[in-house]
PDB file of N, CA and C in Angstrom:
ATOM      1  N   GLN A   1      -3.089 122.053 199.293  1.00  0.00           N
ATOM      2  CA  GLN A   1      -3.312 120.644 199.551  1.00  0.00           C
ATOM      3  C   GLN A   1      -4.680 120.420 200.201  1.00  0.00           C
ATOM      4  N   LEU A   2      -5.064 121.277 201.152  1.00  0.00           N
ATOM      5  CA  LEU A   2      -6.379 121.120 201.787  1.00  0.00           C
ATOM      6  C   LEU A   2      -7.509 121.332 200.793  1.00  0.00           C
ATOM      7  N   GLU A   3      -7.307 122.237 199.853  1.00  0.00           N
ATOM      8  CA  GLU A   3      -8.350 122.477 198.847  1.00  0.00           C
ATOM      9  C   GLU A   3      -8.583 121.243 197.985  1.00  0.00           C
ATOM     10  N   SER A   4      -7.508 120.549 197.594  1.00  0.00           N
ATOM     11  CA  SER A   4      -7.689 119.338 196.784  1.00  0.00           C
ATOM     12  C   SER A   4      -8.318 118.219 197.612  1.00  0.00           C
ATOM     13  N   PHE A   5      -7.967 118.145 198.894  1.00  0.00           N
ATOM     14  CA  PHE A   5      -8.584 117.165 199.799  1.00  0.00           C
ATOM     15  C   PHE A   5     -10.090 117.432 199.869  1.00  0.00           C
ATOM     16  N   LEU A   6     -10.457 118.672 200.083  1.00  0.00           N
ATOM     17  CA  LEU A   6     -11.872 119.052 200.144  1.00  0.00           C
ATOM     18  C   LEU A   6     -12.572 118.732 198.834  1.00  0.00           C
ATOM     19  N   SER A   7     -11.978 119.144 197.722  1.00  0.00           N
ATOM     20  CA  SER A   7     -12.576 118.927 196.407  1.00  0.00           C
ATOM     21  C   SER A   7     -12.744 117.444 196.109  1.00  0.00           C
ATOM     22  N   ASP A   8     -11.697 116.650 196.341  1.00  0.00           N
ATOM     23  CA  ASP A   8     -11.762 115.198 196.091  1.00  0.00           C
ATOM     24  C   ASP A   8     -12.861 114.551 196.918  1.00  0.00           C
ATOM     25  N   THR A   9     -12.954 114.941 198.174  1.00  0.00           N
ATOM     26  CA  THR A   9     -13.919 114.315 199.080  1.00  0.00           C
ATOM     27  C   THR A   9     -15.344 114.720 198.737  1.00  0.00           C
ATOM     28  N   LEU A  10     -15.541 115.986 198.419  1.00  0.00           N
ATOM     29  CA  LEU A  10     -16.875 116.434 198.007  1.00  0.00           C
ATOM     30  C   LEU A  10     -17.312 115.693 196.747  1.00  0.00           C
ATOM     31  N   ARG A  11     -16.414 115.550 195.792  1.00  0.00           N
ATOM     32  CA  ARG A  11     -16.726 114.875 194.526  1.00  0.00           C
ATOM     33  C   ARG A  11     -17.047 113.400 194.761  1.00  0.00           C
ATOM     34  N   SER A  12     -16.273 112.736 195.603  1.00  0.00           N
ATOM     35  CA  SER A  12     -16.466 111.297 195.790  1.00  0.00           C
ATOM     36  C   SER A  12     -17.704 110.968 196.628  1.00  0.00           C
ATOM     37  N   ALA A  13     -18.209 111.934 197.376  1.00  0.00           N
ATOM     38  CA  ALA A  13     -19.366 111.678 198.233  1.00  0.00           C
ATOM     39  C   ALA A  13     -20.650 111.489 197.447  1.00  0.00           C
ATOM     40  N   GLY A  14     -20.693 111.987 196.250  1.00  0.00           N
ATOM     41  CA  GLY A  14     -21.874 111.813 195.412  1.00  0.00           C
ATOM     42  C   GLY A  14     -23.119 112.443 196.014  1.00  0.00           C
ATOM     43  N   GLU A  15     -24.239 111.750 195.889  1.00  0.00           N
ATOM     44  CA  GLU A  15     -25.519 112.290 196.352  1.00  0.00           C
ATOM     45  C   GLU A  15     -25.620 112.363 197.875  1.00  0.00           C
ATOM     46  N   SER A  16     -24.783 111.600 198.561  1.00  0.00           N
ATOM     47  CA  SER A  16     -24.848 111.611 200.024  1.00  0.00           C
ATOM     48  C   SER A  16     -23.954 112.691 200.634  1.00  0.00           C
ATOM     49  N   VAL A  17     -23.512 113.616 199.829  1.00  0.00           N
ATOM     50  CA  VAL A  17     -22.569 114.637 200.272  1.00  0.00           C
ATOM     51  C   VAL A  17     -23.111 115.444 201.455  1.00  0.00           C
ATOM     52  N   ARG A  18     -22.249 115.640 202.440  1.00  0.00           N
ATOM     53  CA  ARG A  18     -22.548 116.488 203.602  1.00  0.00           C
ATOM     54  C   ARG A  18     -21.380 117.458 203.740  1.00  0.00           C
ATOM     55  N   PRO A  19     -21.434 118.577 203.017  1.00  0.00           N
ATOM     56  CA  PRO A  19     -20.315 119.518 203.024  1.00  0.00           C
ATOM     57  C   PRO A  19     -19.880 119.938 204.420  1.00  0.00           C
ATOM     58  N   ASP A  20     -20.820 120.082 205.341  1.00  0.00           N
ATOM     59  CA  ASP A  20     -20.458 120.491 206.704  1.00  0.00           C
ATOM     60  C   ASP A  20     -19.559 119.451 207.377  1.00  0.00           C
ATOM     61  N   LEU A  21     -19.871 118.164 207.197  1.00  0.00           N
ATOM     62  CA  LEU A  21     -19.066 117.107 207.793  1.00  0.00           C
ATOM     63  C   LEU A  21     -17.726 116.938 207.078  1.00  0.00           C
ATOM     64  N   ILE A  22     -17.754 117.099 205.770  1.00  0.00           N
ATOM     65  CA  ILE A  22     -16.518 116.970 204.994  1.00  0.00           C
ATOM     66  C   ILE A  22     -15.537 118.079 205.372  1.00  0.00           C
ATOM     67  N   LYS A  23     -16.035 119.269 205.613  1.00  0.00           N
ATOM     68  CA  LYS A  23     -15.157 120.372 206.027  1.00  0.00           C
ATOM     69  C   LYS A  23     -14.505 120.070 207.383  1.00  0.00           C
ATOM     70  N   VAL A  24     -15.247 119.449 208.291  1.00  0.00           N
ATOM     71  CA  VAL A  24     -14.668 119.053 209.585  1.00  0.00           C
ATOM     72  C   VAL A  24     -13.591 117.991 209.366  1.00  0.00           C
ATOM     73  N   LEU A  25     -13.874 116.999 208.528  1.00  0.00           N
ATOM     74  CA  LEU A  25     -12.904 115.954 208.220  1.00  0.00           C
ATOM     75  C   LEU A  25     -11.611 116.553 207.693  1.00  0.00           C
ATOM     76  N   VAL A  26     -11.725 117.445 206.718  1.00  0.00           N
ATOM     77  CA  VAL A  26     -10.555 118.060 206.100  1.00  0.00           C
ATOM     78  C   VAL A  26      -9.788 118.894 207.120  1.00  0.00           C
ATOM     79  N   LYS A  27     -10.500 119.651 207.930  1.00  0.00           N
ATOM     80  CA  LYS A  27      -9.860 120.532 208.900  1.00  0.00           C
ATOM     81  C   LYS A  27      -9.166 119.758 210.021  1.00  0.00           C
ATOM     82  N   GLU A  28      -9.774 118.668 210.488  1.00  0.00           N
ATOM     83  CA  GLU A  28      -9.291 117.974 211.681  1.00  0.00           C
ATOM     84  C   GLU A  28      -8.463 116.717 211.418  1.00  0.00           C
ATOM     85  N   SER A  29      -8.401 116.246 210.199  1.00  0.00           N
ATOM     86  CA  SER A  29      -7.723 114.973 209.953  1.00  0.00           C
ATOM     87  C   SER A  29      -6.228 115.019 210.272  1.00  0.00           C
ATOM     88  N   SER A  30      -5.587 116.127 210.019  1.00  0.00           N
ATOM     89  CA  SER A  30      -4.159 116.234 210.308  1.00  0.00           C
ATOM     90  C   SER A  30      -3.878 116.059 211.793  1.00  0.00           C
ATOM     91  N   SER A  31      -4.686 116.684 212.632  1.00  0.00           N
ATOM     92  CA  SER A  31      -4.472 116.544 214.077  1.00  0.00           C
ATOM     93  C   SER A  31      -4.816 115.127 214.548  1.00  0.00           C
ATOM     94  N   ALA A  32      -5.771 114.478 213.900  1.00  0.00           N
ATOM     95  CA  ALA A  32      -6.102 113.095 214.254  1.00  0.00           C
ATOM     96  C   ALA A  32      -4.949 112.160 213.910  1.00  0.00           C
ATOM     97  N   VAL A  33      -4.339 112.357 212.745  1.00  0.00           N
ATOM     98  CA  VAL A  33      -3.188 111.534 212.345  1.00  0.00           C
ATOM     99  C   VAL A  33      -2.032 111.778 213.307  1.00  0.00           C
ATOM    100  N   SER A  34      -1.782 113.032 213.650  1.00  0.00           N
ATOM    101  CA  SER A  34      -0.709 113.360 214.603  1.00  0.00           C
ATOM    102  C   SER A  34      -0.950 112.701 215.950  1.00  0.00           C
ATOM    103  N   TRP A  35      -2.191 112.738 216.425  1.00  0.00           N
ATOM    104  CA  TRP A  35      -2.534 112.111 217.703  1.00  0.00           C
ATOM    105  C   TRP A  35      -2.269 110.612 217.656  1.00  0.00           C
ATOM    106  N   LEU A  36      -2.694 109.965 216.590  1.00  0.00           N
ATOM    107  CA  LEU A  36      -2.476 108.524 216.468  1.00  0.00           C
ATOM    108  C   LEU A  36      -0.989 108.190 216.444  1.00  0.00           C
ATOM    109  N   LYS A  37      -0.200 109.013 215.769  1.00  0.00           N
ATOM    110  CA  LYS A  37       1.238 108.765 215.687  1.00  0.00           C
ATOM    111  C   LYS A  37       1.948 109.071 216.997  1.00  0.00           C
ATOM    112  N   GLU A  38       1.663 110.222 217.578  1.00  0.00           N
ATOM    113  CA  GLU A  38       2.412 110.687 218.742  1.00  0.00           C
ATOM    114  C   GLU A  38       1.901 110.133 220.064  1.00  0.00           C
ATOM    115  N   ARG A  39       0.613 110.138 220.274  1.00  0.00           N
ATOM    116  CA  ARG A  39       0.061 109.730 221.573  1.00  0.00           C
ATOM    117  C   ARG A  39      -0.220 108.243 221.651  1.00  0.00           C
ATOM    118  N   VAL A  40      -0.584 107.651 220.526  1.00  0.00           N
ATOM    119  CA  VAL A  40      -0.962 106.238 220.521  1.00  0.00           C
ATOM    120  C   VAL A  40       0.179 105.366 220.008  1.00  0.00           C
ATOM    121  N   GLY A  41       1.102 105.959 219.256  1.00  0.00           N
ATOM    122  CA  GLY A  41       2.245 105.217 218.753  1.00  0.00           C
ATOM    123  C   GLY A  41       1.985 104.383 217.527  1.00  0.00           C
ATOM    124  N   VAL A  42       0.964 104.734 216.751  1.00  0.00           N
ATOM    125  CA  VAL A  42       0.645 103.985 215.545  1.00  0.00           C
ATOM    126  C   VAL A  42       1.606 104.397 214.429  1.00  0.00           C
ATOM    127  N   ASP A  43       2.158 103.406 213.736  1.00  0.00           N
ATOM    128  CA  ASP A  43       3.046 103.654 212.604  1.00  0.00           C
ATOM    129  C   ASP A  43       2.189 104.064 211.410  1.00  0.00           C
ATOM    130  N   LEU A  44       2.265 105.305 211.024  1.00  0.00           N
ATOM    131  CA  LEU A  44       1.576 105.794 209.826  1.00  0.00           C
ATOM    132  C   LEU A  44       2.604 106.475 208.923  1.00  0.00           C
ATOM    133  N   SER A  45       3.692 105.755 208.681  1.00  0.00           N
ATOM    134  CA  SER A  45       4.842 106.324 208.005  1.00  0.00           C
ATOM    135  C   SER A  45       4.738 106.360 206.483  1.00  0.00           C
ATOM    136  N   LEU A  46       3.847 105.589 205.913  1.00  0.00           N
ATOM    137  CA  LEU A  46       3.707 105.576 204.453  1.00  0.00           C
ATOM    138  C   LEU A  46       2.567 106.485 204.020  1.00  0.00           C
ATOM    139  N   LEU A  47       2.761 107.158 202.918  1.00  0.00           N
ATOM    140  CA  LEU A  47       1.737 108.025 202.349  1.00  0.00           C
ATOM    141  C   LEU A  47       1.346 107.446 201.000  1.00  0.00           C
ATOM    142  N   SER A  48       0.048 107.226 200.790  1.00  0.00           N
ATOM    143  CA  SER A  48      -0.431 106.575 199.566  1.00  0.00           C
ATOM    144  C   SER A  48      -1.490 107.421 198.890  1.00  0.00           C
ATOM    145  N   GLN A  49      -1.593 107.226 197.589  1.00  0.00           N
ATOM    146  CA  GLN A  49      -2.667 107.849 196.813  1.00  0.00           C
ATOM    147  C   GLN A  49      -3.663 106.758 196.461  1.00  0.00           C
ATOM    148  N   LEU A  50      -4.873 106.886 196.971  1.00  0.00           N
ATOM    149  CA  LEU A  50      -5.918 105.893 196.718  1.00  0.00           C
ATOM    150  C   LEU A  50      -6.905 106.426 195.683  1.00  0.00           C
ATOM    151  N   GLY A  51      -7.822 105.569 195.277  1.00  0.00           N
ATOM    152  CA  GLY A  51      -8.807 105.945 194.280  1.00  0.00           C
ATOM    153  C   GLY A  51      -9.585 107.184 194.665  1.00  0.00           C
ATOM    154  N   GLY A  52      -9.745 108.098 193.738  1.00  0.00           N
ATOM    155  CA  GLY A  52     -10.477 109.331 193.995  1.00  0.00           C
ATOM    156  C   GLY A  52      -9.606 110.458 194.522  1.00  0.00           C
ATOM    157  N   HIS A  53      -8.365 110.145 194.880  1.00  0.00           N
ATOM    158  CA  HIS A  53      -7.451 111.173 195.381  1.00  0.00           C
ATOM    159  C   HIS A  53      -6.675 111.782 194.220  1.00  0.00           C
ATOM    160  N   SER A  54      -6.472 113.077 194.280  1.00  0.00           N
ATOM    161  CA  SER A  54      -5.636 113.732 193.275  1.00  0.00           C
ATOM    162  C   SER A  54      -4.194 113.861 193.770  1.00  0.00           C
ATOM    163  N   ALA A  55      -3.940 113.404 194.999  1.00  0.00           N
ATOM    164  CA  ALA A  55      -2.596 113.459 195.578  1.00  0.00           C
ATOM    165  C   ALA A  55      -2.470 112.381 196.654  1.00  0.00           C
ATOM    166  N   GLU A  56      -1.236 112.080 197.046  1.00  0.00           N
ATOM    167  CA  GLU A  56      -1.013 111.148 198.138  1.00  0.00           C
ATOM    168  C   GLU A  56      -1.469 111.792 199.436  1.00  0.00           C
ATOM    169  N   ARG A  57      -2.372 111.128 200.158  1.00  0.00           N
ATOM    170  CA  ARG A  57      -2.824 111.696 201.430  1.00  0.00           C
ATOM    171  C   ARG A  57      -3.275 110.654 202.445  1.00  0.00           C
ATOM    172  N   THR A  58      -3.288 109.394 202.066  1.00  0.00           N
ATOM    173  CA  THR A  58      -3.697 108.353 202.997  1.00  0.00           C
ATOM    174  C   THR A  58      -2.475 107.848 203.761  1.00  0.00           C
ATOM    175  N   HIS A  59      -2.504 107.989 205.065  1.00  0.00           N
ATOM    176  CA  HIS A  59      -1.405 107.549 205.918  1.00  0.00           C
ATOM    177  C   HIS A  59      -1.619 106.085 206.279  1.00  0.00           C
ATOM    178  N   ARG A  60      -0.562 105.293 206.051  1.00  0.00           N
ATOM    179  CA  ARG A  60      -0.654 103.848 206.269  1.00  0.00           C
ATOM    180  C   ARG A  60       0.574 103.364 207.030  1.00  0.00           C
ATOM    181  N   PRO A  61       0.442 102.266 207.762  1.00  0.00           N
ATOM    182  CA  PRO A  61       1.609 101.702 208.445  1.00  0.00           C
ATOM    183  C   PRO A  61       2.503 100.966 207.453  1.00  0.00           C
ATOM    184  N   SER A  62       3.760 100.818 207.793  1.00  0.00           N
ATOM    185  CA  SER A  62       4.699 100.111 206.915  1.00  0.00           C
ATOM    186  C   SER A  62       4.316  98.643 206.755  1.00  0.00           C
ATOM    187  N   THR A  63       3.555  98.098 207.696  1.00  0.00           N
ATOM    188  CA  THR A  63       3.103  96.704 207.587  1.00  0.00           C
ATOM    189  C   THR A  63       1.969  96.552 206.586  1.00  0.00           C
ATOM    190  N   GLY A  64       1.276  97.650 206.277  1.00  0.00           N
ATOM    191  CA  GLY A  64       0.165  97.602 205.349  1.00  0.00           C
ATOM    192  C   GLY A  64      -1.158  97.224 205.994  1.00  0.00           C
ATOM    193  N   MET A  65      -1.146  96.876 207.269  1.00  0.00           N
ATOM    194  CA  MET A  65      -2.362  96.425 207.944  1.00  0.00           C
ATOM    195  C   MET A  65      -2.916  97.562 208.809  1.00  0.00           C
ATOM    196  N   VAL A  66      -3.636  98.468 208.184  1.00  0.00           N
ATOM    197  CA  VAL A  66      -4.108  99.679 208.858  1.00  0.00           C
ATOM    198  C   VAL A  66      -4.997  99.352 210.055  1.00  0.00           C
ATOM    199  N   GLY A  67      -6.016  98.557 209.842  1.00  0.00           N
ATOM    200  CA  GLY A  67      -6.968  98.252 210.907  1.00  0.00           C
ATOM    201  C   GLY A  67      -6.306  97.597 212.112  1.00  0.00           C
ATOM    202  N   ALA A  68      -5.457  96.629 211.845  1.00  0.00           N
ATOM    203  CA  ALA A  68      -4.780  95.920 212.939  1.00  0.00           C
ATOM    204  C   ALA A  68      -3.875  96.859 213.722  1.00  0.00           C
ATOM    205  N   GLU A  69      -3.140  97.715 213.026  1.00  0.00           N
ATOM    206  CA  GLU A  69      -2.238  98.657 213.690  1.00  0.00           C
ATOM    207  C   GLU A  69      -3.019  99.662 214.541  1.00  0.00           C
ATOM    208  N   LEU A  70      -4.133 100.155 214.001  1.00  0.00           N
ATOM    209  CA  LEU A  70      -4.952 101.107 214.754  1.00  0.00           C
ATOM    210  C   LEU A  70      -5.524 100.454 215.999  1.00  0.00           C
ATOM    211  N   MET A  71      -6.066  99.256 215.867  1.00  0.00           N
ATOM    212  CA  MET A  71      -6.660  98.574 217.011  1.00  0.00           C
ATOM    213  C   MET A  71      -5.606  98.238 218.063  1.00  0.00           C
ATOM    214  N   TYR A  72      -4.449  97.768 217.630  1.00  0.00           N
ATOM    215  CA  TYR A  72      -3.382  97.434 218.567  1.00  0.00           C
ATOM    216  C   TYR A  72      -2.930  98.688 219.323  1.00  0.00           C
ATOM    217  N   GLY A  73      -2.710  99.777 218.581  1.00  0.00           N
ATOM    218  CA  GLY A  73      -2.269 101.022 219.204  1.00  0.00           C
ATOM    219  C   GLY A  73      -3.293 101.581 220.176  1.00  0.00           C
ATOM    220  N   MET A  74      -4.556 101.554 219.786  1.00  0.00           N
ATOM    221  CA  MET A  74      -5.611 102.079 220.667  1.00  0.00           C
ATOM    222  C   MET A  74      -5.745 101.212 221.921  1.00  0.00           C
ATOM    223  N   ARG A  75      -5.687  99.896 221.757  1.00  0.00           N
ATOM    224  CA  ARG A  75      -5.793  98.995 222.909  1.00  0.00           C
ATOM    225  C   ARG A  75      -4.636  99.254 223.882  1.00  0.00           C
ATOM    226  N   LYS A  76      -3.445  99.412 223.344  1.00  0.00           N
ATOM    227  CA  LYS A  76      -2.266  99.677 224.171  1.00  0.00           C
ATOM    228  C   LYS A  76      -2.412 101.012 224.910  1.00  0.00           C
ATOM    229  N   ALA A  77      -2.901 102.037 224.225  1.00  0.00           N
ATOM    230  CA  ALA A  77      -3.083 103.347 224.850  1.00  0.00           C
ATOM    231  C   ALA A  77      -4.129 103.287 225.955  1.00  0.00           C
ATOM    232  N   VAL A  78      -5.241 102.621 225.699  1.00  0.00           N
ATOM    233  CA  VAL A  78      -6.301 102.506 226.705  1.00  0.00           C
ATOM    234  C   VAL A  78      -5.775 101.764 227.928  1.00  0.00           C
ATOM    235  N   ARG A  79      -5.038 100.712 227.708  1.00  0.00           N
ATOM    236  CA  ARG A  79      -4.475  99.960 228.841  1.00  0.00           C
ATOM    237  C   ARG A  79      -3.518 100.817 229.666  1.00  0.00           C
ATOM    238  N   SER A  80      -2.749 101.683 229.003  1.00  0.00           N
ATOM    239  CA  SER A  80      -1.832 102.529 229.762  1.00  0.00           C
ATOM    240  C   SER A  80      -2.618 103.562 230.570  1.00  0.00           C
ATOM    241  N   TYR A  81      -3.690 104.106 230.004  1.00  0.00           N
ATOM    242  CA  TYR A  81      -4.545 105.032 230.754  1.00  0.00           C
ATOM    243  C   TYR A  81      -5.206 104.319 231.928  1.00  0.00           C
ATOM    244  N   GLU A  82      -5.618 103.097 231.680  1.00  0.00           N
ATOM    245  CA  GLU A  82      -6.242 102.294 232.730  1.00  0.00           C
ATOM    246  C   GLU A  82      -5.244 102.032 233.866  1.00  0.00           C
ATOM    247  N   GLY A  83      -4.000 101.764 233.504  1.00  0.00           N
ATOM    248  CA  GLY A  83      -2.963 101.485 234.495  1.00  0.00           C
ATOM    249  C   GLY A  83      -2.642 102.665 235.390  1.00  0.00           C
ATOM    250  N   THR A  84      -2.844 103.887 234.869  1.00  0.00           N
ATOM    251  CA  THR A  84      -2.565 105.082 235.663  1.00  0.00           C
ATOM    252  C   THR A  84      -3.818 105.612 236.365  1.00  0.00           C
ATOM    253  N   GLY A  85      -4.946 104.946 236.151  1.00  0.00           N
ATOM    254  CA  GLY A  85      -6.180 105.397 236.770  1.00  0.00           C
ATOM    255  C   GLY A  85      -6.900 106.487 236.005  1.00  0.00           C
ATOM    256  N   GLN A  86      -6.403 106.824 234.811  1.00  0.00           N
ATOM    257  CA  GLN A  86      -7.046 107.878 234.012  1.00  0.00           C
ATOM    258  C   GLN A  86      -8.285 107.388 233.286  1.00  0.00           C
ATOM    259  N   ALA A  87      -8.434 106.071 233.188  1.00  0.00           N
ATOM    260  CA  ALA A  87      -9.579 105.498 232.499  1.00  0.00           C
ATOM    261  C   ALA A  87      -9.949 104.181 233.182  1.00  0.00           C
ATOM    262  N   LYS A  88     -11.218 103.844 233.053  1.00  0.00           N
ATOM    263  CA  LYS A  88     -11.695 102.563 233.578  1.00  0.00           C
ATOM    264  C   LYS A  88     -12.522 101.929 232.481  1.00  0.00           C
ATOM    265  N   VAL A  89     -12.159 100.730 232.111  1.00  0.00           N
ATOM    266  CA  VAL A  89     -12.865 100.005 231.067  1.00  0.00           C
ATOM    267  C   VAL A  89     -13.890  99.105 231.722  1.00  0.00           C
ATOM    268  N   LEU A  90     -15.148  99.265 231.318  1.00  0.00           N
ATOM    269  CA  LEU A  90     -16.241  98.447 231.842  1.00  0.00           C
ATOM    270  C   LEU A  90     -16.662  97.450 230.786  1.00  0.00           C
ATOM    271  N   LEU A  91     -16.614  96.180 231.100  1.00  0.00           N
ATOM    272  CA  LEU A  91     -17.019  95.136 230.190  1.00  0.00           C
ATOM    273  C   LEU A  91     -18.348  94.539 230.623  1.00  0.00           C
ATOM    274  N   ASN A  92     -19.145  94.139 229.661  1.00  0.00           N
ATOM    275  CA  ASN A  92     -20.445  93.518 229.930  1.00  0.00           C
ATOM    276  C   ASN A  92     -21.312  94.367 230.851  1.00  0.00           C
ATOM    277  N   SER A  93     -21.275  95.664 230.628  1.00  0.00           N
ATOM    278  CA  SER A  93     -22.049  96.547 231.507  1.00  0.00           C
ATOM    279  C   SER A  93     -23.241  97.142 230.797  1.00  0.00           C
TER     280      SER A  93
END
């Protein structure tokens, strides 16, 4: 599965291909998805096959609104870290 992910991504990158960065993406994406699901609480329960993919590999929320779910989950996580003193958010700084 990782080989097809690598192959699909290298092919779709075209002339702007950066094999070194694509290898990092392929190697680390699983842990990033796990972090978003487990630590941030983002619903990524659906698996989809998008253009250029040879297999289903895009994780999406059941609502279909990926960006909104990611932003909501990240905002909630940051606020919880802020509440425990683990993080401080500086605005207009």
